[in-house]
């Protein structure tokens, strides 16, 4: 502990065995000092704030939020997260493409449906076209496409 911190603790009431000064060293009972500091921290943490949180709770929440913010910053630097606007734009583009693919199914399969001999063949044809149209939701690299635009 630094000398200024030690002086501040003594002013706060930290116990000592013998006072120092003028070349004479301070003497402390370590067990008493640890017990005093532990009680001091408990008292500081137990101070209840207006919203019902203790000061200790508030400090822990603040620390948790700082760690979360730091993790987010690292994730941004590593390219593991994307701004919400980019995600929204990418999803919107993908949904438009899927919608267009779904709406074009009747035009693409109209003639082929007439060539089918039975209901099973029609169902297979439609399932194949629907799967093809919906594959854009599964296969597309959404954010990479949005960034390229």
N, C-alpha and C. Protein backbone atom coordinates (compact mmCIF):
# COMPACT_ATOMS: atom_id res chain seq x y z
N UNK A 1 0.86 -1.16 0.00
CA UNK A 1 0.00 0.00 0.00
C UNK A 1 0.90 1.22 0.00
N UNK A 2 0.52 2.24 -0.72
CA UNK A 2 1.34 3.44 -0.81
C UNK A 2 1.25 4.24 0.49
N UNK A 3 2.23 5.09 0.71
CA UNK A 3 2.26 5.92 1.92
C UNK A 3 1.03 6.84 2.01
N UNK A 4 0.62 7.52 0.94
CA UNK A 4 -0.59 8.34 1.03
C UNK A 4 -1.84 7.53 1.40
N UNK A 5 -1.95 6.31 0.85
CA UNK A 5 -3.09 5.45 1.18
C UNK A 5 -3.03 5.04 2.64
N UNK A 6 -1.85 4.68 3.10
CA UNK A 6 -1.67 4.30 4.50
C UNK A 6 -2.07 5.45 5.43
N UNK A 7 -1.64 6.66 5.11
CA UNK A 7 -2.00 7.83 5.93
C UNK A 7 -3.51 8.06 5.93
N UNK A 8 -4.13 7.88 4.76
CA UNK A 8 -5.58 8.05 4.67
C UNK A 8 -6.30 7.00 5.52
N UNK A 9 -5.81 5.77 5.50
CA UNK A 9 -6.44 4.71 6.32
C UNK A 9 -6.28 5.02 7.81
N UNK A 10 -5.13 5.51 8.20
CA UNK A 10 -4.92 5.86 9.61
C UNK A 10 -5.88 6.97 10.02
N UNK A 11 -6.07 7.98 9.14
CA UNK A 11 -7.03 9.06 9.44
C UNK A 11 -8.45 8.51 9.57
N UNK A 12 -8.75 7.43 8.80
CA UNK A 12 -10.07 6.81 8.86
C UNK A 12 -10.25 5.96 10.10
N UNK A 13 -9.16 5.70 10.81
CA UNK A 13 -9.26 4.94 12.06
C UNK A 13 -8.61 3.59 12.07
N UNK A 14 -7.77 3.30 11.09
CA UNK A 14 -7.09 2.02 11.07
C UNK A 14 -6.21 1.90 12.32
N UNK A 15 -6.31 0.78 13.03
CA UNK A 15 -5.55 0.64 14.28
C UNK A 15 -4.05 0.47 14.03
N UNK A 16 -3.29 0.95 14.96
CA UNK A 16 -1.84 0.77 14.92
C UNK A 16 -1.35 0.49 16.34
N UNK A 17 -0.18 -0.13 16.41
CA UNK A 17 0.41 -0.46 17.71
C UNK A 17 1.24 0.70 18.21
N UNK A 18 2.04 1.25 17.29
CA UNK A 18 2.91 2.34 17.68
C UNK A 18 3.00 3.36 16.56
N UNK A 19 2.83 4.62 16.92
CA UNK A 19 2.86 5.71 15.94
C UNK A 19 4.29 5.96 15.50
N UNK A 20 4.43 6.24 14.20
CA UNK A 20 5.75 6.53 13.67
C UNK A 20 5.90 8.01 13.40
N UNK A 21 7.04 8.37 12.92
CA UNK A 21 7.33 9.76 12.58
C UNK A 21 8.73 10.11 12.97
N UNK A 22 9.29 11.12 12.34
CA UNK A 22 10.66 11.58 12.61
C UNK A 22 11.65 10.42 12.60
N UNK A 23 11.58 9.62 11.52
CA UNK A 23 12.52 8.52 11.35
C UNK A 23 12.11 7.24 12.06
N UNK A 24 11.05 7.27 12.84
CA UNK A 24 10.57 6.10 13.56
C UNK A 24 9.46 5.43 12.76
N UNK A 25 9.53 4.12 12.60
CA UNK A 25 8.55 3.38 11.79
C UNK A 25 7.25 3.17 12.56
N UNK A 26 6.16 3.18 11.80
CA UNK A 26 4.86 2.82 12.36
C UNK A 26 4.85 1.32 12.59
N UNK A 27 4.12 0.87 13.58
CA UNK A 27 3.98 -0.56 13.82
C UNK A 27 2.50 -0.89 13.84
N UNK A 28 2.15 -1.96 13.14
CA UNK A 28 0.76 -2.36 13.01
C UNK A 28 0.61 -3.82 13.38
N UNK A 29 -0.56 -4.16 13.92
CA UNK A 29 -0.93 -5.56 14.12
C UNK A 29 -1.72 -5.96 12.88
N UNK A 30 -1.12 -6.77 12.04
CA UNK A 30 -1.70 -7.10 10.74
C UNK A 30 -3.10 -7.70 10.88
N UNK A 31 -3.31 -8.57 11.84
CA UNK A 31 -4.62 -9.18 12.01
C UNK A 31 -5.67 -8.12 12.34
N UNK A 32 -5.34 -7.18 13.21
CA UNK A 32 -6.28 -6.10 13.55
C UNK A 32 -6.56 -5.22 12.33
N UNK A 33 -5.52 -4.93 11.56
CA UNK A 33 -5.69 -4.09 10.36
C UNK A 33 -6.57 -4.78 9.33
N UNK A 34 -6.38 -6.07 9.14
CA UNK A 34 -7.20 -6.81 8.18
C UNK A 34 -8.66 -6.83 8.65
N UNK A 35 -8.86 -7.08 9.94
CA UNK A 35 -10.22 -7.08 10.47
C UNK A 35 -10.86 -5.70 10.33
N UNK A 36 -10.11 -4.64 10.62
CA UNK A 36 -10.63 -3.27 10.49
C UNK A 36 -11.00 -2.98 9.04
N UNK A 37 -10.12 -3.35 8.10
CA UNK A 37 -10.37 -3.08 6.69
C UNK A 37 -11.56 -3.88 6.17
N UNK A 38 -11.69 -5.11 6.62
CA UNK A 38 -12.84 -5.93 6.22
C UNK A 38 -14.14 -5.28 6.69
N UNK A 39 -14.17 -4.84 7.94
CA UNK A 39 -15.37 -4.18 8.46
C UNK A 39 -15.63 -2.86 7.72
N UNK A 40 -14.58 -2.16 7.41
CA UNK A 40 -14.69 -0.90 6.67
C UNK A 40 -15.34 -1.15 5.32
N UNK A 41 -14.91 -2.19 4.61
CA UNK A 41 -15.48 -2.52 3.30
C UNK A 41 -16.94 -2.95 3.43
N UNK A 42 -17.24 -3.73 4.46
CA UNK A 42 -18.64 -4.14 4.70
C UNK A 42 -19.51 -2.92 4.92
N UNK A 43 -19.04 -2.00 5.73
CA UNK A 43 -19.81 -0.78 6.01
C UNK A 43 -20.00 0.05 4.75
N UNK A 44 -18.96 0.15 3.96
CA UNK A 44 -19.07 0.93 2.71
C UNK A 44 -20.05 0.28 1.74
N UNK A 45 -20.01 -1.07 1.66
CA UNK A 45 -20.89 -1.79 0.75
C UNK A 45 -22.34 -1.77 1.20
N UNK A 46 -22.55 -1.64 2.49
CA UNK A 46 -23.90 -1.72 3.03
C UNK A 46 -24.64 -0.39 2.95
N UNK A 47 -23.99 0.66 2.51
CA UNK A 47 -24.66 1.94 2.39
C UNK A 47 -25.73 1.82 1.31
N UNK A 48 -27.00 1.97 1.67
CA UNK A 48 -28.11 1.79 0.74
C UNK A 48 -28.37 3.09 -0.01
N UNK A 49 -28.49 2.98 -1.32
CA UNK A 49 -28.76 4.13 -2.15
C UNK A 49 -30.27 4.28 -2.35
N UNK A 50 -30.70 5.35 -3.02
CA UNK A 50 -32.11 5.66 -3.20
C UNK A 50 -32.90 4.55 -3.87
N UNK A 51 -32.30 3.84 -4.82
CA UNK A 51 -33.05 2.83 -5.57
C UNK A 51 -33.03 1.46 -4.90
N UNK A 52 -32.57 1.38 -3.67
CA UNK A 52 -32.56 0.11 -2.95
C UNK A 52 -31.29 -0.69 -3.13
N UNK A 53 -30.42 -0.27 -4.03
CA UNK A 53 -29.15 -0.97 -4.22
C UNK A 53 -28.14 -0.45 -3.20
N UNK A 54 -27.28 -1.32 -2.76
CA UNK A 54 -26.19 -0.87 -1.90
C UNK A 54 -25.09 -0.31 -2.79
N UNK A 55 -24.20 0.42 -2.17
CA UNK A 55 -23.08 0.97 -2.93
C UNK A 55 -22.26 -0.16 -3.53
N UNK A 56 -22.12 -1.24 -2.79
CA UNK A 56 -21.40 -2.41 -3.29
C UNK A 56 -22.09 -3.02 -4.50
N UNK A 57 -23.44 -3.10 -4.44
CA UNK A 57 -24.20 -3.61 -5.59
C UNK A 57 -23.97 -2.73 -6.81
N UNK A 58 -24.01 -1.44 -6.58
CA UNK A 58 -23.82 -0.48 -7.67
C UNK A 58 -22.43 -0.60 -8.28
N UNK A 59 -21.43 -0.77 -7.43
CA UNK A 59 -20.05 -0.92 -7.91
C UNK A 59 -19.90 -2.21 -8.71
N UNK A 60 -20.54 -3.30 -8.23
CA UNK A 60 -20.48 -4.57 -8.94
C UNK A 60 -21.18 -4.47 -10.30
N UNK A 61 -22.34 -3.81 -10.32
CA UNK A 61 -23.07 -3.62 -11.59
C UNK A 61 -22.24 -2.78 -12.55
N UNK A 62 -21.62 -1.74 -12.03
CA UNK A 62 -20.79 -0.88 -12.86
C UNK A 62 -19.62 -1.68 -13.44
N UNK A 63 -18.99 -2.49 -12.63
CA UNK A 63 -17.88 -3.32 -13.09
C UNK A 63 -18.36 -4.32 -14.14
N UNK A 64 -19.52 -4.94 -13.90
CA UNK A 64 -20.07 -5.90 -14.85
C UNK A 64 -20.33 -5.22 -16.21
N UNK A 65 -20.89 -4.01 -16.17
CA UNK A 65 -21.17 -3.29 -17.41
C UNK A 65 -19.89 -2.88 -18.13
N UNK A 66 -18.87 -2.50 -17.37
CA UNK A 66 -17.59 -2.15 -18.00
C UNK A 66 -16.97 -3.36 -18.69
N UNK A 67 -17.03 -4.52 -18.03
CA UNK A 67 -16.50 -5.74 -18.63
C UNK A 67 -17.29 -6.09 -19.89
N UNK A 68 -18.61 -5.96 -19.82
CA UNK A 68 -19.46 -6.24 -20.98
C UNK A 68 -19.13 -5.28 -22.13
N UNK A 69 -18.95 -3.99 -21.82
CA UNK A 69 -18.59 -3.01 -22.85
C UNK A 69 -17.25 -3.35 -23.47
N UNK A 70 -16.27 -3.73 -22.63
CA UNK A 70 -14.94 -4.08 -23.14
C UNK A 70 -15.01 -5.32 -24.05
N UNK A 71 -15.81 -6.31 -23.66
CA UNK A 71 -15.96 -7.51 -24.49
C UNK A 71 -16.58 -7.15 -25.83
N UNK A 72 -17.58 -6.25 -25.80
CA UNK A 72 -18.22 -5.83 -27.04
C UNK A 72 -17.22 -5.11 -27.95
N UNK A 73 -16.38 -4.27 -27.37
CA UNK A 73 -15.37 -3.56 -28.16
C UNK A 73 -14.39 -4.54 -28.81
N UNK A 74 -13.98 -5.57 -28.05
CA UNK A 74 -13.07 -6.58 -28.60
C UNK A 74 -13.77 -7.34 -29.72
N UNK A 75 -15.04 -7.70 -29.50
CA UNK A 75 -15.79 -8.42 -30.53
C UNK A 75 -15.93 -7.57 -31.79
N UNK A 76 -16.12 -6.26 -31.63
CA UNK A 76 -16.20 -5.37 -32.79
C UNK A 76 -14.88 -5.37 -33.54
N UNK A 77 -13.77 -5.28 -32.81
CA UNK A 77 -12.45 -5.27 -33.45
C UNK A 77 -12.17 -6.57 -34.20
N UNK A 78 -12.69 -7.68 -33.66
CA UNK A 78 -12.48 -8.98 -34.30
C UNK A 78 -13.49 -9.26 -35.41
N UNK A 79 -14.42 -8.35 -35.60
CA UNK A 79 -15.44 -8.52 -36.63
C UNK A 79 -16.49 -9.55 -36.28
N UNK A 80 -16.69 -9.79 -34.98
CA UNK A 80 -17.66 -10.80 -34.54
C UNK A 80 -19.05 -10.22 -34.32
N UNK A 81 -19.19 -8.92 -34.32
CA UNK A 81 -20.50 -8.28 -34.18
C UNK A 81 -20.65 -7.25 -35.29
N UNK A 82 -21.90 -6.92 -35.57
CA UNK A 82 -22.17 -5.95 -36.63
C UNK A 82 -23.19 -4.93 -36.11
N UNK A 83 -23.12 -3.73 -36.62
CA UNK A 83 -24.11 -2.72 -36.22
C UNK A 83 -25.52 -3.17 -36.60
N UNK A 84 -26.48 -2.81 -35.80
CA UNK A 84 -27.87 -3.19 -36.02
C UNK A 84 -28.36 -2.77 -37.40
N UNK A 85 -27.97 -1.60 -37.85
CA UNK A 85 -28.42 -1.12 -39.15
C UNK A 85 -27.98 -2.06 -40.27
N UNK A 86 -26.75 -2.58 -40.18
CA UNK A 86 -26.27 -3.51 -41.20
C UNK A 86 -27.07 -4.80 -41.19
N UNK A 87 -27.37 -5.30 -40.00
CA UNK A 87 -28.13 -6.54 -39.87
C UNK A 87 -29.54 -6.33 -40.43
N UNK A 88 -30.17 -5.22 -40.08
CA UNK A 88 -31.52 -4.94 -40.59
C UNK A 88 -31.52 -4.84 -42.12
N UNK A 89 -30.53 -4.15 -42.67
CA UNK A 89 -30.44 -4.00 -44.12
C UNK A 89 -30.25 -5.36 -44.79
N UNK A 90 -29.38 -6.19 -44.21
CA UNK A 90 -29.12 -7.51 -44.79
C UNK A 90 -30.36 -8.39 -44.73
N UNK A 91 -31.05 -8.37 -43.60
CA UNK A 91 -32.27 -9.18 -43.49
C UNK A 91 -33.35 -8.69 -44.45
N UNK A 92 -33.49 -7.40 -44.55
CA UNK A 92 -34.49 -6.83 -45.45
C UNK A 92 -34.21 -7.25 -46.90
N UNK A 93 -32.97 -7.15 -47.31
CA UNK A 93 -32.58 -7.55 -48.67
C UNK A 93 -32.88 -9.03 -48.89
N UNK A 94 -32.51 -9.86 -47.93
CA UNK A 94 -32.73 -11.30 -48.05
C UNK A 94 -34.22 -11.62 -48.11
N UNK A 95 -35.01 -10.99 -47.26
CA UNK A 95 -36.46 -11.25 -47.26
C UNK A 95 -37.10 -10.82 -48.58
N UNK A 96 -36.63 -9.71 -49.15
CA UNK A 96 -37.15 -9.27 -50.45
C UNK A 96 -36.82 -10.31 -51.51
N UNK A 97 -35.59 -10.82 -51.50
CA UNK A 97 -35.20 -11.82 -52.49
C UNK A 97 -36.01 -13.10 -52.34
N UNK A 98 -36.23 -13.54 -51.11
CA UNK A 98 -37.01 -14.76 -50.87
C UNK A 98 -38.45 -14.54 -51.30
N UNK A 99 -39.00 -13.38 -50.98
CA UNK A 99 -40.38 -13.07 -51.38
C UNK A 99 -40.52 -13.11 -52.90
N UNK A 100 -39.56 -12.49 -53.58
CA UNK A 100 -39.61 -12.49 -55.05
C UNK A 100 -39.51 -13.91 -55.61
N UNK A 101 -38.64 -14.71 -54.98
CA UNK A 101 -38.49 -16.10 -55.44
C UNK A 101 -39.78 -16.88 -55.21
N UNK A 102 -40.43 -16.65 -54.07
CA UNK A 102 -41.68 -17.35 -53.77
C UNK A 102 -42.78 -16.92 -54.75
N UNK A 103 -42.87 -15.62 -55.01
CA UNK A 103 -43.91 -15.12 -55.90
C UNK A 103 -43.70 -15.53 -57.35
N UNK A 104 -42.48 -15.87 -57.71
CA UNK A 104 -42.22 -16.28 -59.09
C UNK A 104 -42.43 -17.77 -59.32
N UNK A 105 -42.74 -18.51 -58.27
CA UNK A 105 -42.95 -19.96 -58.42
C UNK A 105 -44.04 -20.28 -59.43
N UNK A 106 -45.21 -19.64 -59.36
CA UNK A 106 -46.25 -19.99 -60.35
C UNK A 106 -45.77 -19.81 -61.79
N UNK A 107 -45.03 -18.74 -62.06
CA UNK A 107 -44.55 -18.52 -63.43
C UNK A 107 -43.55 -19.60 -63.85
N UNK A 108 -42.70 -20.03 -62.89
CA UNK A 108 -41.66 -21.01 -63.22
C UNK A 108 -42.22 -22.42 -63.41
N UNK A 109 -43.28 -22.76 -62.67
CA UNK A 109 -43.73 -24.16 -62.70
C UNK A 109 -45.05 -24.37 -63.44
N UNK A 110 -45.67 -23.29 -63.89
CA UNK A 110 -46.99 -23.42 -64.53
C UNK A 110 -47.05 -24.49 -65.59
N UNK A 111 -46.15 -24.41 -66.54
CA UNK A 111 -46.16 -25.39 -67.63
C UNK A 111 -45.77 -26.78 -67.17
N UNK A 112 -44.86 -26.86 -66.23
CA UNK A 112 -44.42 -28.19 -65.76
C UNK A 112 -45.51 -28.89 -64.96
N UNK A 113 -46.36 -28.13 -64.27
CA UNK A 113 -47.45 -28.73 -63.50
C UNK A 113 -48.39 -29.46 -64.46
N UNK A 114 -48.64 -28.86 -65.62
CA UNK A 114 -49.53 -29.49 -66.59
C UNK A 114 -48.96 -30.81 -67.12
N UNK A 115 -47.63 -30.91 -67.10
CA UNK A 115 -47.00 -32.13 -67.59
C UNK A 115 -46.98 -33.25 -66.55
N UNK A 116 -47.31 -32.92 -65.31
CA UNK A 116 -47.30 -33.94 -64.24
C UNK A 116 -48.49 -34.88 -64.42
N UNK A 117 -48.24 -36.18 -64.13
CA UNK A 117 -49.27 -37.20 -64.30
C UNK A 117 -50.18 -37.35 -63.09
N UNK A 118 -49.66 -36.99 -61.90
CA UNK A 118 -50.47 -37.21 -60.69
C UNK A 118 -50.18 -36.13 -59.65
N UNK A 119 -50.95 -36.17 -58.56
CA UNK A 119 -50.83 -35.18 -57.49
C UNK A 119 -49.47 -35.27 -56.81
N UNK A 120 -48.94 -36.45 -56.65
CA UNK A 120 -47.64 -36.64 -56.00
C UNK A 120 -46.55 -35.90 -56.78
N UNK A 121 -46.59 -35.97 -58.08
CA UNK A 121 -45.60 -35.28 -58.92
C UNK A 121 -45.72 -33.77 -58.78
N UNK A 122 -46.96 -33.27 -58.70
CA UNK A 122 -47.19 -31.83 -58.53
C UNK A 122 -46.62 -31.39 -57.18
N UNK A 123 -46.90 -32.17 -56.12
CA UNK A 123 -46.38 -31.83 -54.79
C UNK A 123 -44.86 -31.83 -54.78
N UNK A 124 -44.24 -32.81 -55.40
CA UNK A 124 -42.78 -32.88 -55.44
C UNK A 124 -42.20 -31.67 -56.17
N UNK A 125 -42.81 -31.30 -57.27
CA UNK A 125 -42.37 -30.16 -58.04
C UNK A 125 -42.47 -28.87 -57.22
N UNK A 126 -43.62 -28.68 -56.57
CA UNK A 126 -43.82 -27.47 -55.75
C UNK A 126 -42.87 -27.45 -54.56
N UNK A 127 -42.68 -28.58 -53.89
CA UNK A 127 -41.75 -28.65 -52.75
C UNK A 127 -40.34 -28.30 -53.18
N UNK A 128 -39.95 -28.79 -54.33
CA UNK A 128 -38.61 -28.50 -54.84
C UNK A 128 -38.44 -27.01 -55.11
N UNK A 129 -39.44 -26.38 -55.72
CA UNK A 129 -39.37 -24.95 -56.01
C UNK A 129 -39.39 -24.12 -54.72
N UNK A 130 -40.23 -24.53 -53.77
CA UNK A 130 -40.30 -23.80 -52.49
C UNK A 130 -38.99 -23.92 -51.73
N UNK A 131 -38.43 -25.14 -51.71
CA UNK A 131 -37.13 -25.33 -51.05
C UNK A 131 -36.06 -24.46 -51.69
N UNK A 132 -36.10 -24.39 -53.00
CA UNK A 132 -35.12 -23.57 -53.72
C UNK A 132 -35.27 -22.09 -53.36
N UNK A 133 -36.52 -21.62 -53.29
CA UNK A 133 -36.77 -20.21 -52.96
C UNK A 133 -36.35 -19.89 -51.52
N UNK A 134 -36.60 -20.82 -50.60
CA UNK A 134 -36.29 -20.58 -49.19
C UNK A 134 -34.82 -20.81 -48.87
N UNK A 135 -34.09 -21.44 -49.77
CA UNK A 135 -32.68 -21.72 -49.48
C UNK A 135 -31.88 -20.44 -49.28
N UNK A 136 -32.37 -19.32 -49.82
CA UNK A 136 -31.69 -18.04 -49.61
C UNK A 136 -31.59 -17.66 -48.15
N UNK A 137 -32.55 -18.14 -47.35
CA UNK A 137 -32.50 -17.85 -45.92
C UNK A 137 -31.40 -18.65 -45.22
N UNK A 138 -31.07 -19.80 -45.75
CA UNK A 138 -30.12 -20.69 -45.10
C UNK A 138 -28.68 -20.50 -45.59
N UNK A 139 -28.54 -20.23 -46.85
CA UNK A 139 -27.22 -20.28 -47.46
C UNK A 139 -26.51 -18.95 -47.57
N UNK A 140 -27.26 -17.89 -47.49
CA UNK A 140 -26.68 -16.57 -47.77
C UNK A 140 -25.87 -16.05 -46.59
N UNK A 141 -24.71 -15.50 -46.88
CA UNK A 141 -23.92 -14.81 -45.88
C UNK A 141 -24.47 -13.39 -45.78
N UNK A 142 -25.40 -13.19 -44.87
CA UNK A 142 -26.17 -11.95 -44.82
C UNK A 142 -25.30 -10.71 -44.72
N UNK A 143 -24.45 -10.66 -43.72
CA UNK A 143 -23.70 -9.44 -43.48
C UNK A 143 -22.62 -9.19 -44.52
N UNK A 144 -22.03 -10.24 -45.04
CA UNK A 144 -21.02 -10.05 -46.07
C UNK A 144 -21.65 -9.43 -47.30
N UNK A 145 -22.86 -9.88 -47.66
CA UNK A 145 -23.56 -9.31 -48.80
C UNK A 145 -23.95 -7.86 -48.52
N UNK A 146 -24.37 -7.56 -47.31
CA UNK A 146 -24.80 -6.20 -46.96
C UNK A 146 -23.62 -5.25 -47.00
N UNK A 147 -22.46 -5.70 -46.58
CA UNK A 147 -21.27 -4.86 -46.57
C UNK A 147 -20.80 -4.59 -48.00
N UNK A 148 -20.94 -5.60 -48.87
CA UNK A 148 -20.50 -5.43 -50.25
C UNK A 148 -21.34 -4.42 -51.03
N UNK A 149 -22.60 -4.20 -50.59
CA UNK A 149 -23.49 -3.30 -51.34
C UNK A 149 -23.10 -1.86 -51.22
